[in-house]
N, C-alpha and C. Protein backbone atom coordinates (compact mmCIF):
# COMPACT_ATOMS: atom_id res chain seq x y z
N MET A 1 38.39 -91.84 -45.49
CA MET A 1 36.99 -91.61 -45.68
C MET A 1 36.18 -91.87 -44.45
N ALA A 2 36.68 -92.67 -43.64
CA ALA A 2 35.98 -92.96 -42.42
C ALA A 2 35.89 -91.70 -41.57
N GLU A 3 36.87 -90.87 -41.71
CA GLU A 3 36.83 -89.62 -40.98
C GLU A 3 35.63 -88.77 -41.37
N LYS A 4 35.39 -88.72 -42.64
CA LYS A 4 34.25 -87.92 -43.11
C LYS A 4 32.96 -88.50 -42.60
N LYS A 5 32.90 -89.79 -42.56
CA LYS A 5 31.69 -90.42 -42.09
C LYS A 5 31.47 -90.13 -40.63
N ASP A 6 32.52 -90.19 -39.86
CA ASP A 6 32.37 -89.92 -38.43
C ASP A 6 31.87 -88.49 -38.22
N ARG A 7 32.42 -87.61 -38.95
CA ARG A 7 31.97 -86.22 -38.79
C ARG A 7 30.53 -86.05 -39.22
N ALA A 8 30.22 -86.65 -40.32
CA ALA A 8 28.86 -86.52 -40.82
C ALA A 8 27.89 -87.26 -39.93
N GLY A 9 28.31 -88.34 -39.39
CA GLY A 9 27.42 -89.11 -38.56
C GLY A 9 27.34 -88.59 -37.14
N ASN A 10 28.26 -87.78 -36.69
CA ASN A 10 28.29 -87.29 -35.32
C ASN A 10 27.45 -86.02 -35.22
N THR A 11 26.22 -86.20 -35.01
CA THR A 11 25.30 -85.05 -34.90
C THR A 11 25.31 -84.45 -33.52
N THR A 12 25.71 -85.19 -32.53
CA THR A 12 25.72 -84.64 -31.18
C THR A 12 26.81 -83.61 -31.03
N GLY A 13 27.91 -83.72 -31.71
CA GLY A 13 28.99 -82.73 -31.62
C GLY A 13 28.60 -81.42 -32.27
N GLU A 14 27.83 -81.49 -33.30
CA GLU A 14 27.46 -80.26 -34.01
C GLU A 14 26.32 -79.52 -33.30
N ARG A 15 25.46 -80.23 -32.69
CA ARG A 15 24.34 -79.58 -32.02
C ARG A 15 24.78 -78.64 -30.92
N PRO A 16 25.71 -79.01 -30.08
CA PRO A 16 26.14 -78.02 -29.10
C PRO A 16 26.70 -76.78 -29.77
N ASN A 17 27.39 -76.96 -30.86
CA ASN A 17 27.90 -75.79 -31.57
C ASN A 17 26.76 -74.95 -32.12
N ARG A 18 25.74 -75.56 -32.65
CA ARG A 18 24.59 -74.83 -33.17
C ARG A 18 23.83 -74.17 -32.04
N ARG A 19 23.66 -74.88 -30.97
CA ARG A 19 22.97 -74.30 -29.83
C ARG A 19 23.76 -73.11 -29.29
N GLY A 20 25.04 -73.26 -29.19
CA GLY A 20 25.88 -72.17 -28.72
C GLY A 20 25.78 -70.96 -29.64
N ALA A 21 25.79 -71.25 -30.94
CA ALA A 21 25.67 -70.15 -31.91
C ALA A 21 24.29 -69.50 -31.82
N THR A 22 23.27 -70.31 -31.62
CA THR A 22 21.91 -69.79 -31.50
C THR A 22 21.78 -68.94 -30.25
N PHE A 23 22.31 -69.48 -29.13
CA PHE A 23 22.26 -68.71 -27.90
C PHE A 23 23.07 -67.42 -28.01
N ALA A 24 24.20 -67.48 -28.65
CA ALA A 24 25.03 -66.28 -28.84
C ALA A 24 24.29 -65.26 -29.69
N ALA A 25 23.62 -65.74 -30.74
CA ALA A 25 22.87 -64.84 -31.61
C ALA A 25 21.70 -64.20 -30.85
N LEU A 26 21.00 -65.03 -30.07
CA LEU A 26 19.89 -64.51 -29.27
C LEU A 26 20.39 -63.53 -28.22
N ALA A 27 21.48 -63.85 -27.56
CA ALA A 27 22.05 -62.95 -26.56
C ALA A 27 22.48 -61.64 -27.21
N GLY A 28 23.08 -61.72 -28.38
CA GLY A 28 23.49 -60.52 -29.10
C GLY A 28 22.29 -59.67 -29.50
N ALA A 29 21.25 -60.36 -29.96
CA ALA A 29 20.03 -59.64 -30.35
C ALA A 29 19.40 -58.97 -29.12
N LEU A 30 19.38 -59.72 -28.01
CA LEU A 30 18.81 -59.17 -26.78
C LEU A 30 19.62 -57.97 -26.29
N ILE A 31 20.94 -58.10 -26.32
CA ILE A 31 21.80 -56.98 -25.91
C ILE A 31 21.59 -55.79 -26.84
N GLY A 32 21.51 -56.05 -28.13
CA GLY A 32 21.26 -54.98 -29.10
C GLY A 32 19.92 -54.31 -28.88
N ALA A 33 18.89 -55.12 -28.60
CA ALA A 33 17.56 -54.58 -28.36
C ALA A 33 17.56 -53.73 -27.08
N LEU A 34 18.21 -54.24 -26.03
CA LEU A 34 18.29 -53.48 -24.78
C LEU A 34 19.06 -52.18 -24.98
N ALA A 35 20.13 -52.24 -25.74
CA ALA A 35 20.90 -51.03 -26.01
C ALA A 35 20.05 -50.04 -26.81
N GLY A 36 19.34 -50.54 -27.78
CA GLY A 36 18.46 -49.67 -28.57
C GLY A 36 17.35 -49.07 -27.73
N LEU A 37 16.75 -49.90 -26.87
CA LEU A 37 15.70 -49.42 -25.99
C LEU A 37 16.24 -48.38 -25.02
N THR A 38 17.42 -48.63 -24.46
CA THR A 38 18.04 -47.68 -23.55
C THR A 38 18.33 -46.36 -24.27
N GLY A 39 18.89 -46.49 -25.47
CA GLY A 39 19.18 -45.28 -26.27
C GLY A 39 17.91 -44.52 -26.60
N SER A 40 16.86 -45.24 -26.98
CA SER A 40 15.59 -44.58 -27.29
C SER A 40 14.99 -43.91 -26.06
N THR A 41 15.08 -44.58 -24.92
CA THR A 41 14.56 -44.02 -23.67
C THR A 41 15.32 -42.76 -23.29
N LEU A 42 16.64 -42.83 -23.39
CA LEU A 42 17.45 -41.65 -23.08
C LEU A 42 17.14 -40.51 -24.04
N ALA A 43 17.00 -40.83 -25.31
CA ALA A 43 16.68 -39.80 -26.30
C ALA A 43 15.31 -39.18 -26.01
N TYR A 44 14.36 -40.03 -25.60
CA TYR A 44 13.01 -39.54 -25.27
C TYR A 44 13.08 -38.55 -24.11
N PHE A 45 13.76 -38.95 -23.03
CA PHE A 45 13.83 -38.07 -21.86
C PHE A 45 14.62 -36.80 -22.16
N GLU A 46 15.64 -36.91 -22.97
CA GLU A 46 16.41 -35.72 -23.35
C GLU A 46 15.53 -34.77 -24.17
N ALA A 47 14.77 -35.33 -25.10
CA ALA A 47 13.87 -34.51 -25.91
C ALA A 47 12.79 -33.88 -25.04
N LYS A 48 12.29 -34.66 -24.09
CA LYS A 48 11.26 -34.15 -23.19
C LYS A 48 11.81 -32.99 -22.36
N ASP A 49 13.03 -33.14 -21.83
CA ASP A 49 13.66 -32.06 -21.06
C ASP A 49 13.92 -30.84 -21.92
N THR A 50 14.38 -31.07 -23.15
CA THR A 50 14.62 -29.96 -24.07
C THR A 50 13.31 -29.24 -24.38
N HIS A 51 12.26 -30.03 -24.63
CA HIS A 51 10.95 -29.44 -24.92
C HIS A 51 10.45 -28.64 -23.73
N ARG A 52 10.63 -29.17 -22.53
CA ARG A 52 10.21 -28.47 -21.32
C ARG A 52 10.98 -27.16 -21.17
N ALA A 53 12.29 -27.21 -21.40
CA ALA A 53 13.12 -26.00 -21.28
C ALA A 53 12.73 -24.98 -22.35
N GLU A 54 12.48 -25.45 -23.56
CA GLU A 54 12.05 -24.54 -24.62
C GLU A 54 10.70 -23.93 -24.30
N GLY A 55 9.81 -24.74 -23.72
CA GLY A 55 8.49 -24.24 -23.32
C GLY A 55 8.60 -23.17 -22.25
N ALA A 56 9.47 -23.40 -21.28
CA ALA A 56 9.67 -22.41 -20.22
C ALA A 56 10.26 -21.13 -20.79
N ALA A 57 11.21 -21.28 -21.70
CA ALA A 57 11.82 -20.10 -22.33
C ALA A 57 10.77 -19.34 -23.15
N ARG A 58 9.94 -20.08 -23.85
CA ARG A 58 8.89 -19.45 -24.67
C ARG A 58 7.89 -18.71 -23.78
N ARG A 59 7.49 -19.34 -22.66
CA ARG A 59 6.57 -18.67 -21.74
C ARG A 59 7.19 -17.39 -21.19
N ALA A 60 8.47 -17.45 -20.86
CA ALA A 60 9.16 -16.25 -20.35
C ALA A 60 9.18 -15.16 -21.42
N ASP A 61 9.42 -15.54 -22.67
CA ASP A 61 9.40 -14.55 -23.76
C ASP A 61 8.02 -13.92 -23.91
N ILE A 62 6.98 -14.75 -23.83
CA ILE A 62 5.61 -14.25 -23.97
C ILE A 62 5.30 -13.28 -22.83
N ARG A 63 5.71 -13.65 -21.61
CA ARG A 63 5.47 -12.76 -20.47
C ARG A 63 6.20 -11.45 -20.64
N ARG A 64 7.48 -11.53 -21.02
CA ARG A 64 8.25 -10.29 -21.20
C ARG A 64 7.58 -9.38 -22.21
N GLU A 65 7.16 -9.94 -23.32
CA GLU A 65 6.51 -9.15 -24.37
C GLU A 65 5.21 -8.53 -23.85
N ALA A 66 4.45 -9.29 -23.09
CA ALA A 66 3.19 -8.78 -22.54
C ALA A 66 3.45 -7.67 -21.53
N TYR A 67 4.48 -7.83 -20.71
CA TYR A 67 4.79 -6.81 -19.70
C TYR A 67 5.27 -5.51 -20.36
N VAL A 68 6.07 -5.63 -21.40
CA VAL A 68 6.52 -4.44 -22.12
C VAL A 68 5.33 -3.72 -22.75
N ASP A 69 4.42 -4.50 -23.33
CA ASP A 69 3.24 -3.91 -23.95
C ASP A 69 2.37 -3.23 -22.89
N LEU A 70 2.24 -3.83 -21.73
CA LEU A 70 1.46 -3.21 -20.65
C LEU A 70 2.09 -1.88 -20.23
N SER A 71 3.38 -1.87 -20.10
CA SER A 71 4.07 -0.64 -19.70
C SER A 71 3.88 0.46 -20.74
N ALA A 72 4.07 0.12 -22.01
CA ALA A 72 3.91 1.11 -23.08
C ALA A 72 2.45 1.57 -23.18
N SER A 73 1.52 0.65 -23.06
CA SER A 73 0.09 1.02 -23.13
C SER A 73 -0.31 1.90 -21.96
N THR A 74 0.25 1.63 -20.80
CA THR A 74 -0.05 2.46 -19.62
C THR A 74 0.47 3.88 -19.84
N ASN A 75 1.66 4.00 -20.39
CA ASN A 75 2.21 5.35 -20.65
C ASN A 75 1.33 6.12 -21.64
N ARG A 76 0.91 5.46 -22.71
CA ARG A 76 0.03 6.13 -23.69
C ARG A 76 -1.29 6.50 -23.04
N TYR A 77 -1.80 5.60 -22.24
CA TYR A 77 -3.08 5.85 -21.56
C TYR A 77 -2.97 7.05 -20.64
N VAL A 78 -1.92 7.12 -19.85
CA VAL A 78 -1.74 8.25 -18.93
C VAL A 78 -1.64 9.55 -19.72
N GLN A 79 -0.92 9.54 -20.83
CA GLN A 79 -0.82 10.75 -21.65
C GLN A 79 -2.18 11.18 -22.16
N GLN A 80 -2.94 10.23 -22.67
CA GLN A 80 -4.25 10.58 -23.24
C GLN A 80 -5.26 10.94 -22.16
N ALA A 81 -5.17 10.29 -21.01
CA ALA A 81 -6.06 10.64 -19.90
C ALA A 81 -5.75 12.06 -19.42
N THR A 82 -4.48 12.41 -19.38
CA THR A 82 -4.07 13.76 -18.97
C THR A 82 -4.63 14.79 -19.96
N GLN A 83 -4.50 14.49 -21.24
CA GLN A 83 -5.04 15.40 -22.26
C GLN A 83 -6.56 15.50 -22.17
N MET A 84 -7.21 14.37 -21.88
CA MET A 84 -8.66 14.37 -21.75
C MET A 84 -9.09 15.28 -20.61
N LEU A 85 -8.38 15.18 -19.49
CA LEU A 85 -8.71 16.03 -18.35
C LEU A 85 -8.47 17.50 -18.69
N LYS A 86 -7.36 17.81 -19.36
CA LYS A 86 -7.07 19.20 -19.72
C LYS A 86 -8.16 19.77 -20.63
N VAL A 87 -8.57 18.99 -21.62
CA VAL A 87 -9.62 19.47 -22.53
C VAL A 87 -10.94 19.62 -21.78
N SER A 88 -11.22 18.69 -20.89
CA SER A 88 -12.49 18.74 -20.13
C SER A 88 -12.55 19.93 -19.19
N LEU A 89 -11.39 20.35 -18.66
CA LEU A 89 -11.37 21.45 -17.69
C LEU A 89 -11.06 22.80 -18.32
N ASP A 90 -10.84 22.83 -19.61
CA ASP A 90 -10.52 24.09 -20.30
C ASP A 90 -11.83 24.75 -20.72
N PRO A 91 -12.14 25.93 -20.17
CA PRO A 91 -13.39 26.61 -20.52
C PRO A 91 -13.44 27.03 -21.99
N ALA A 92 -12.30 27.14 -22.64
CA ALA A 92 -12.28 27.54 -24.04
C ALA A 92 -12.61 26.37 -24.97
N LYS A 93 -12.65 25.16 -24.46
CA LYS A 93 -12.93 23.98 -25.29
C LYS A 93 -14.42 23.69 -25.30
N SER A 94 -14.91 23.31 -26.47
CA SER A 94 -16.33 23.02 -26.64
C SER A 94 -16.62 21.53 -26.37
N ALA A 95 -17.90 21.24 -26.35
CA ALA A 95 -18.32 19.84 -26.19
C ALA A 95 -17.77 19.00 -27.34
N GLU A 96 -17.71 19.59 -28.53
CA GLU A 96 -17.16 18.88 -29.70
C GLU A 96 -15.67 18.60 -29.50
N ASP A 97 -14.95 19.55 -28.94
CA ASP A 97 -13.52 19.34 -28.65
C ASP A 97 -13.34 18.18 -27.67
N ARG A 98 -14.19 18.17 -26.65
CA ARG A 98 -14.10 17.09 -25.66
C ARG A 98 -14.45 15.74 -26.29
N ARG A 99 -15.48 15.73 -27.11
CA ARG A 99 -15.88 14.48 -27.79
C ARG A 99 -14.77 13.98 -28.71
N ARG A 100 -14.19 14.87 -29.48
CA ARG A 100 -13.11 14.50 -30.40
C ARG A 100 -11.90 13.94 -29.63
N GLN A 101 -11.54 14.61 -28.53
CA GLN A 101 -10.42 14.13 -27.70
C GLN A 101 -10.74 12.74 -27.15
N PHE A 102 -11.96 12.58 -26.69
CA PHE A 102 -12.36 11.29 -26.12
C PHE A 102 -12.31 10.19 -27.18
N GLU A 103 -12.97 10.41 -28.30
CA GLU A 103 -13.09 9.36 -29.32
C GLU A 103 -11.79 9.09 -30.07
N ASP A 104 -11.05 10.14 -30.38
CA ASP A 104 -9.86 9.98 -31.22
C ASP A 104 -8.60 9.61 -30.44
N LYS A 105 -8.52 9.99 -29.20
CA LYS A 105 -7.27 9.80 -28.44
C LYS A 105 -7.45 8.92 -27.20
N TYR A 106 -8.38 9.37 -26.33
CA TYR A 106 -8.51 8.67 -25.04
C TYR A 106 -9.05 7.25 -25.22
N ALA A 107 -10.15 7.10 -25.93
CA ALA A 107 -10.78 5.78 -26.07
C ALA A 107 -9.84 4.74 -26.69
N PRO A 108 -9.10 5.07 -27.78
CA PRO A 108 -8.16 4.07 -28.31
C PRO A 108 -7.05 3.70 -27.30
N ALA A 109 -6.56 4.70 -26.55
CA ALA A 109 -5.53 4.41 -25.54
C ALA A 109 -6.11 3.53 -24.43
N ASN A 110 -7.35 3.79 -24.06
CA ASN A 110 -8.01 2.98 -23.05
C ASN A 110 -8.21 1.54 -23.55
N THR A 111 -8.58 1.39 -24.80
CA THR A 111 -8.75 0.07 -25.39
C THR A 111 -7.42 -0.69 -25.42
N ASP A 112 -6.36 -0.01 -25.83
CA ASP A 112 -5.02 -0.64 -25.85
C ASP A 112 -4.59 -1.07 -24.45
N LEU A 113 -4.86 -0.23 -23.47
CA LEU A 113 -4.51 -0.59 -22.09
C LEU A 113 -5.32 -1.80 -21.63
N SER A 114 -6.59 -1.84 -21.95
CA SER A 114 -7.42 -2.98 -21.57
C SER A 114 -6.93 -4.26 -22.21
N ARG A 115 -6.55 -4.20 -23.48
CA ARG A 115 -6.03 -5.37 -24.19
C ARG A 115 -4.72 -5.83 -23.55
N ALA A 116 -3.83 -4.90 -23.28
CA ALA A 116 -2.54 -5.25 -22.67
C ALA A 116 -2.74 -5.82 -21.27
N TYR A 117 -3.63 -5.22 -20.51
CA TYR A 117 -3.93 -5.69 -19.15
C TYR A 117 -4.46 -7.13 -19.20
N THR A 118 -5.39 -7.39 -20.11
CA THR A 118 -5.97 -8.73 -20.24
C THR A 118 -4.91 -9.74 -20.65
N THR A 119 -4.05 -9.37 -21.57
CA THR A 119 -2.98 -10.28 -22.00
C THR A 119 -2.08 -10.63 -20.83
N VAL A 120 -1.68 -9.64 -20.07
CA VAL A 120 -0.81 -9.90 -18.91
C VAL A 120 -1.55 -10.77 -17.90
N ARG A 121 -2.81 -10.51 -17.70
CA ARG A 121 -3.59 -11.32 -16.76
C ARG A 121 -3.59 -12.78 -17.17
N LEU A 122 -3.62 -13.04 -18.45
CA LEU A 122 -3.64 -14.42 -18.95
C LEU A 122 -2.29 -15.12 -18.84
N VAL A 123 -1.20 -14.37 -18.92
CA VAL A 123 0.12 -15.02 -18.98
C VAL A 123 0.94 -14.89 -17.71
N THR A 124 0.52 -14.08 -16.77
CA THR A 124 1.32 -13.88 -15.56
C THR A 124 1.09 -15.01 -14.57
N THR A 125 1.88 -15.01 -13.54
CA THR A 125 1.77 -16.02 -12.49
C THR A 125 0.58 -15.68 -11.57
N PRO A 126 0.16 -16.62 -10.74
CA PRO A 126 -0.91 -16.30 -9.79
C PRO A 126 -0.56 -15.12 -8.87
N ASP A 127 0.69 -15.04 -8.41
CA ASP A 127 1.10 -13.89 -7.60
C ASP A 127 1.02 -12.61 -8.43
N GLY A 128 1.41 -12.69 -9.68
CA GLY A 128 1.35 -11.54 -10.56
C GLY A 128 -0.08 -11.05 -10.76
N ARG A 129 -1.03 -11.98 -10.85
CA ARG A 129 -2.43 -11.59 -11.01
C ARG A 129 -2.92 -10.77 -9.82
N ARG A 130 -2.51 -11.16 -8.63
CA ARG A 130 -2.92 -10.40 -7.44
C ARG A 130 -2.37 -8.98 -7.49
N ASP A 131 -1.10 -8.85 -7.86
CA ASP A 131 -0.50 -7.52 -7.95
C ASP A 131 -1.11 -6.72 -9.09
N LEU A 132 -1.48 -7.40 -10.15
CA LEU A 132 -2.06 -6.74 -11.32
C LEU A 132 -3.44 -6.16 -11.00
N GLU A 133 -4.16 -6.78 -10.09
CA GLU A 133 -5.49 -6.27 -9.71
C GLU A 133 -5.40 -4.83 -9.22
N GLU A 134 -4.39 -4.53 -8.45
CA GLU A 134 -4.23 -3.17 -7.94
C GLU A 134 -3.95 -2.20 -9.10
N VAL A 135 -3.11 -2.62 -10.03
CA VAL A 135 -2.82 -1.78 -11.20
C VAL A 135 -4.12 -1.49 -11.95
N GLY A 136 -4.93 -2.51 -12.14
CA GLY A 136 -6.20 -2.33 -12.85
C GLY A 136 -7.15 -1.40 -12.13
N ALA A 137 -7.26 -1.55 -10.82
CA ALA A 137 -8.15 -0.68 -10.04
C ALA A 137 -7.69 0.77 -10.11
N LEU A 138 -6.39 0.99 -10.02
CA LEU A 138 -5.86 2.36 -10.07
C LEU A 138 -5.99 2.95 -11.47
N SER A 139 -5.87 2.13 -12.49
CA SER A 139 -6.07 2.60 -13.86
C SER A 139 -7.52 3.04 -14.06
N SER A 140 -8.44 2.28 -13.49
CA SER A 140 -9.86 2.65 -13.58
C SER A 140 -10.12 3.98 -12.88
N ARG A 141 -9.47 4.18 -11.76
CA ARG A 141 -9.62 5.45 -11.02
C ARG A 141 -9.11 6.62 -11.87
N VAL A 142 -7.97 6.45 -12.51
CA VAL A 142 -7.43 7.50 -13.38
C VAL A 142 -8.42 7.79 -14.50
N GLY A 143 -8.96 6.75 -15.11
CA GLY A 143 -9.93 6.93 -16.19
C GLY A 143 -11.17 7.67 -15.74
N LYS A 144 -11.67 7.34 -14.56
CA LYS A 144 -12.86 8.02 -14.04
C LYS A 144 -12.57 9.50 -13.83
N LEU A 145 -11.43 9.80 -13.24
CA LEU A 145 -11.09 11.20 -13.00
C LEU A 145 -10.88 11.96 -14.32
N ALA A 146 -10.33 11.29 -15.32
CA ALA A 146 -10.07 11.95 -16.61
C ALA A 146 -11.34 12.22 -17.39
N THR A 147 -12.33 11.35 -17.24
CA THR A 147 -13.54 11.48 -18.07
C THR A 147 -14.74 12.00 -17.29
N ASP A 148 -14.58 12.26 -16.01
CA ASP A 148 -15.69 12.68 -15.17
C ASP A 148 -16.37 13.94 -15.69
N ARG A 149 -15.61 14.87 -16.25
CA ARG A 149 -16.16 16.13 -16.73
C ARG A 149 -16.34 16.14 -18.25
N TYR A 150 -16.20 15.00 -18.86
CA TYR A 150 -16.27 14.89 -20.32
C TYR A 150 -17.56 15.49 -20.87
N ASP A 151 -18.68 15.13 -20.31
CA ASP A 151 -19.95 15.60 -20.87
C ASP A 151 -20.39 16.97 -20.34
N ARG A 152 -19.82 17.44 -19.22
CA ARG A 152 -20.28 18.70 -18.63
C ARG A 152 -19.30 19.85 -18.79
N GLY A 153 -18.04 19.52 -18.99
CA GLY A 153 -17.05 20.59 -19.06
C GLY A 153 -16.65 21.06 -17.67
N PRO A 154 -16.00 22.22 -17.60
CA PRO A 154 -15.41 22.66 -16.33
C PRO A 154 -16.34 23.41 -15.38
N ALA A 155 -17.58 23.61 -15.76
CA ALA A 155 -18.49 24.42 -14.94
C ALA A 155 -18.61 23.85 -13.52
N GLY A 156 -18.35 24.72 -12.53
CA GLY A 156 -18.53 24.36 -11.13
C GLY A 156 -17.45 23.45 -10.56
N VAL A 157 -16.31 23.38 -11.21
CA VAL A 157 -15.24 22.49 -10.75
C VAL A 157 -14.05 23.31 -10.29
N ASP A 158 -13.48 22.90 -9.19
CA ASP A 158 -12.22 23.49 -8.73
C ASP A 158 -11.13 22.79 -9.55
N THR A 159 -10.68 23.43 -10.62
CA THR A 159 -9.75 22.79 -11.55
C THR A 159 -8.42 22.44 -10.89
N LYS A 160 -7.97 23.28 -9.97
CA LYS A 160 -6.71 22.99 -9.29
C LYS A 160 -6.85 21.72 -8.46
N LYS A 161 -7.93 21.61 -7.72
CA LYS A 161 -8.17 20.42 -6.89
C LYS A 161 -8.32 19.17 -7.79
N ALA A 162 -9.05 19.31 -8.88
CA ALA A 162 -9.24 18.18 -9.81
C ALA A 162 -7.90 17.74 -10.39
N GLY A 163 -7.04 18.71 -10.72
CA GLY A 163 -5.72 18.39 -11.26
C GLY A 163 -4.85 17.67 -10.25
N ILE A 164 -4.88 18.11 -9.01
CA ILE A 164 -4.08 17.48 -7.95
C ILE A 164 -4.56 16.05 -7.70
N GLU A 165 -5.87 15.88 -7.62
CA GLU A 165 -6.44 14.54 -7.39
C GLU A 165 -6.06 13.59 -8.54
N PHE A 166 -6.14 14.10 -9.76
CA PHE A 166 -5.78 13.30 -10.92
C PHE A 166 -4.29 12.92 -10.89
N THR A 167 -3.44 13.89 -10.61
CA THR A 167 -1.99 13.65 -10.56
C THR A 167 -1.65 12.60 -9.51
N GLU A 168 -2.28 12.70 -8.35
CA GLU A 168 -2.03 11.71 -7.30
C GLU A 168 -2.47 10.31 -7.74
N ALA A 169 -3.61 10.24 -8.42
CA ALA A 169 -4.11 8.94 -8.90
C ALA A 169 -3.14 8.34 -9.93
N VAL A 170 -2.64 9.18 -10.82
CA VAL A 170 -1.67 8.71 -11.83
C VAL A 170 -0.40 8.21 -11.14
N GLU A 171 0.08 8.96 -10.15
CA GLU A 171 1.29 8.55 -9.45
C GLU A 171 1.10 7.20 -8.77
N ARG A 172 -0.06 6.97 -8.16
CA ARG A 172 -0.34 5.67 -7.52
C ARG A 172 -0.42 4.56 -8.56
N GLN A 173 -1.05 4.87 -9.70
CA GLN A 173 -1.17 3.88 -10.77
C GLN A 173 0.22 3.48 -11.28
N LEU A 174 1.05 4.46 -11.56
CA LEU A 174 2.39 4.17 -12.08
C LEU A 174 3.27 3.48 -11.04
N ALA A 175 3.11 3.82 -9.78
CA ALA A 175 3.88 3.16 -8.72
C ALA A 175 3.46 1.69 -8.61
N ALA A 176 2.16 1.43 -8.70
CA ALA A 176 1.69 0.04 -8.64
C ALA A 176 2.19 -0.75 -9.84
N LEU A 177 2.20 -0.12 -11.01
CA LEU A 177 2.72 -0.79 -12.20
C LEU A 177 4.20 -1.09 -12.02
N GLN A 178 4.95 -0.14 -11.49
CA GLN A 178 6.38 -0.36 -11.28
C GLN A 178 6.62 -1.50 -10.29
N THR A 179 5.85 -1.55 -9.23
CA THR A 179 5.96 -2.65 -8.26
C THR A 179 5.68 -3.99 -8.94
N PHE A 180 4.62 -4.03 -9.74
CA PHE A 180 4.28 -5.25 -10.47
C PHE A 180 5.43 -5.66 -11.38
N LEU A 181 5.97 -4.70 -12.14
CA LEU A 181 7.05 -5.02 -13.08
C LEU A 181 8.32 -5.45 -12.36
N ASP A 182 8.62 -4.84 -11.23
CA ASP A 182 9.80 -5.24 -10.45
C ASP A 182 9.68 -6.69 -10.00
N LYS A 183 8.51 -7.07 -9.51
CA LYS A 183 8.30 -8.46 -9.09
C LYS A 183 8.32 -9.40 -10.29
N ALA A 184 7.74 -8.96 -11.39
CA ALA A 184 7.67 -9.81 -12.58
C ALA A 184 9.05 -10.03 -13.21
N ALA A 185 9.94 -9.08 -13.01
CA ALA A 185 11.28 -9.21 -13.60
C ALA A 185 11.98 -10.49 -13.11
N GLY A 186 11.75 -10.87 -11.89
CA GLY A 186 12.37 -12.06 -11.35
C GLY A 186 11.89 -13.33 -12.01
N GLU A 187 10.67 -13.34 -12.49
CA GLU A 187 10.13 -14.54 -13.11
C GLU A 187 10.38 -14.62 -14.61
N THR A 188 10.79 -13.55 -15.22
CA THR A 188 10.96 -13.57 -16.68
C THR A 188 12.40 -13.50 -17.13
N LEU A 189 13.33 -13.24 -16.26
CA LEU A 189 14.73 -13.14 -16.67
C LEU A 189 15.50 -14.37 -16.32
């Protein structure tokens, strides 16, 4: 029985064991907390990188879609501008024919082109905006040539010369668009 008493009475022997256990528990908790913090930090940065990559991919998708829409809108616009010029220069067409062509075909194509142009302007790169300015200026020139005779008809116009001037303006517009799209392809693919 004396043995039991010695053990029970020896508090100094147990305290180091308790302290050791306490320190071990605290060290384990600290290691666990650091591991959790490290894991959380790594997960945060991984999520951030994934989000950044997804954002870049999404921006590229938006640009691609806008560029395709610009190309399609430009083609429709050129077709309708060409028809507008033909109707305007045809002596057999009346003012009503010209008005109908303008309102029903040319104006909607022009509106679509303006919308597509604005969308691309908003989503393209700064370099793309500079190149896009030329496309816009040339598109405006095509529109002016197509609608210049809208209200007057063909009277007093050299139709052959007007057709050549218009064709050259369209070719410059489409060439500028192609240059823009070629440069843009590098940033979206």
